Protein backbone atom coordinates (compact mmCIF):
# COMPACT_ATOMS: atom_id res chain seq x y z
CA MET A 1 -75.48 -98.65 -27.30
CA PRO A 2 -74.10 -95.73 -29.36
CA ASN A 3 -76.03 -92.45 -29.42
CA LEU A 4 -76.53 -91.71 -33.13
CA SER A 5 -78.65 -88.56 -32.91
CA GLY A 6 -77.48 -85.32 -34.55
CA MET A 7 -73.78 -84.55 -34.97
CA ASN A 8 -72.74 -85.89 -31.54
CA ARG A 9 -72.16 -89.60 -31.17
CA SER A 10 -70.85 -91.72 -28.32
CA GLY A 11 -70.55 -95.31 -27.23
CA SER A 12 -68.69 -97.74 -25.04
CA THR A 13 -67.42 -101.30 -24.82
CA ALA A 14 -65.79 -103.20 -21.94
CA ALA A 15 -62.38 -101.93 -23.17
CA TYR A 16 -63.03 -98.30 -24.20
CA ARG A 17 -65.40 -95.32 -24.39
CA TRP A 18 -65.62 -92.85 -27.26
CA LYS A 19 -67.43 -89.67 -28.17
CA GLU A 20 -67.33 -87.58 -31.31
CA SER A 21 -68.64 -84.35 -32.71
CA GLU A 22 -68.37 -82.93 -36.19
CA ARG A 23 -64.79 -81.74 -35.47
CA GLU A 24 -63.38 -84.00 -32.75
CA VAL A 25 -63.16 -87.60 -31.58
CA GLU A 26 -62.10 -88.58 -28.06
CA VAL A 27 -61.36 -92.18 -27.09
CA GLN A 28 -60.72 -93.36 -23.53
CA VAL A 29 -59.15 -96.81 -23.30
CA CYS A 30 -59.17 -98.65 -19.97
CA LEU A 31 -55.62 -99.87 -19.33
CA PRO A 32 -54.49 -102.23 -16.58
CA GLU A 33 -53.49 -100.21 -13.49
CA GLY A 34 -49.83 -99.17 -13.49
CA THR A 35 -49.39 -99.47 -17.28
CA LYS A 36 -46.53 -97.29 -18.51
CA ARG A 37 -46.16 -95.67 -21.95
CA SER A 38 -43.17 -97.93 -22.64
CA GLU A 39 -45.51 -100.93 -22.22
CA LEU A 40 -47.94 -99.77 -24.92
CA ARG A 41 -48.04 -100.08 -28.65
CA LEU A 42 -49.93 -96.98 -29.81
CA ALA A 43 -50.43 -96.27 -33.48
CA LEU A 44 -52.57 -94.00 -35.63
CA VAL A 45 -51.62 -94.95 -39.17
CA SER A 46 -52.81 -94.02 -42.63
CA ALA A 47 -55.09 -96.47 -44.43
CA ASP A 48 -52.16 -97.64 -46.58
CA GLY A 49 -50.09 -98.24 -43.41
CA GLU A 50 -47.22 -96.03 -44.59
CA ARG A 51 -47.54 -93.03 -42.19
CA ASP A 52 -47.93 -92.99 -38.41
CA ALA A 53 -49.32 -89.80 -36.83
CA TRP A 54 -47.30 -90.26 -33.67
CA ARG A 55 -44.00 -90.69 -35.50
CA ASN A 56 -44.19 -87.27 -37.23
CA GLU A 57 -44.72 -88.77 -40.68
CA HIS A 58 -47.16 -86.18 -42.05
CA GLU A 59 -47.87 -85.64 -45.74
CA THR A 60 -48.59 -82.21 -47.17
CA ILE A 61 -49.42 -80.81 -50.59
CA GLY A 62 -48.45 -77.19 -51.16
CA GLY A 63 -48.08 -76.61 -47.43
CA ALA A 64 -51.60 -77.84 -46.58
CA GLU A 65 -51.82 -81.08 -44.64
CA LEU A 66 -53.76 -83.93 -46.15
CA ALA A 67 -56.65 -85.42 -44.20
CA GLU A 68 -56.21 -89.16 -43.77
CA ARG A 69 -59.35 -91.14 -44.53
CA ARG A 70 -59.85 -94.51 -42.81
CA ALA A 71 -56.89 -94.02 -40.47
CA ARG A 72 -56.38 -97.00 -38.18
CA LEU A 73 -56.10 -96.60 -34.38
CA THR A 74 -54.42 -99.35 -32.34
CA VAL A 75 -53.93 -99.45 -28.56
CA ALA A 76 -52.25 -102.61 -27.30
CA PRO A 77 -50.32 -103.31 -24.09
CA ILE A 78 -47.22 -105.30 -25.07
CA PHE A 79 -47.99 -107.86 -22.33
CA TRP A 80 -51.60 -108.42 -23.54
CA PRO A 81 -52.47 -111.16 -26.06
CA THR A 82 -54.72 -108.89 -28.16
CA ALA A 83 -55.22 -105.17 -28.76
CA LEU A 84 -57.66 -103.33 -26.50
CA MET A 85 -58.64 -101.24 -29.52
CA ASP A 86 -57.83 -101.80 -33.17
CA GLY A 87 -59.92 -100.38 -35.96
CA HIS A 88 -60.44 -97.77 -38.65
CA LEU A 89 -61.80 -94.35 -37.75
CA ARG A 90 -64.89 -93.29 -39.66
CA GLY A 91 -64.00 -89.71 -40.60
CA ALA A 92 -60.95 -87.95 -41.98
CA VAL A 93 -58.10 -87.27 -39.51
CA LEU A 94 -55.54 -84.47 -39.54
CA PHE A 95 -52.45 -86.18 -38.17
CA SER A 96 -50.92 -82.92 -36.93
CA GLU A 97 -54.00 -82.40 -34.73
CA SER A 98 -53.90 -85.92 -33.23
CA SER A 99 -52.52 -86.68 -29.79
CA PHE A 100 -52.77 -89.07 -26.88
CA GLU A 101 -52.50 -88.74 -23.11
CA LEU A 102 -52.11 -91.27 -20.30
CA VAL A 103 -54.09 -90.32 -17.19
CA PRO A 104 -54.89 -92.26 -14.01
CA SER A 105 -58.34 -93.81 -13.87
CA ARG A 106 -60.94 -91.93 -11.87
């Protein structure tokens, strides 16, 4: 059950865990052991689907980056029938501040 008190929120499902504060969101997706980056489809795209944060397709106006509202995050192993995570993020996202990391499970 998500914790909805104050500015900090968190939650979990069988496939992923997430936590957020006013300035940051962290998502941990449970991948099958031994999964390589080349076996994943990772995307953080604008609501209109035209820009992907992890393909360096950032929009700016007058040198200031635009915050993407309703960006969509997808994490899907290419050998899996469905995505482990696929949905719109609640807050605005600065694409230049977005990243991902693959780490072994603990």
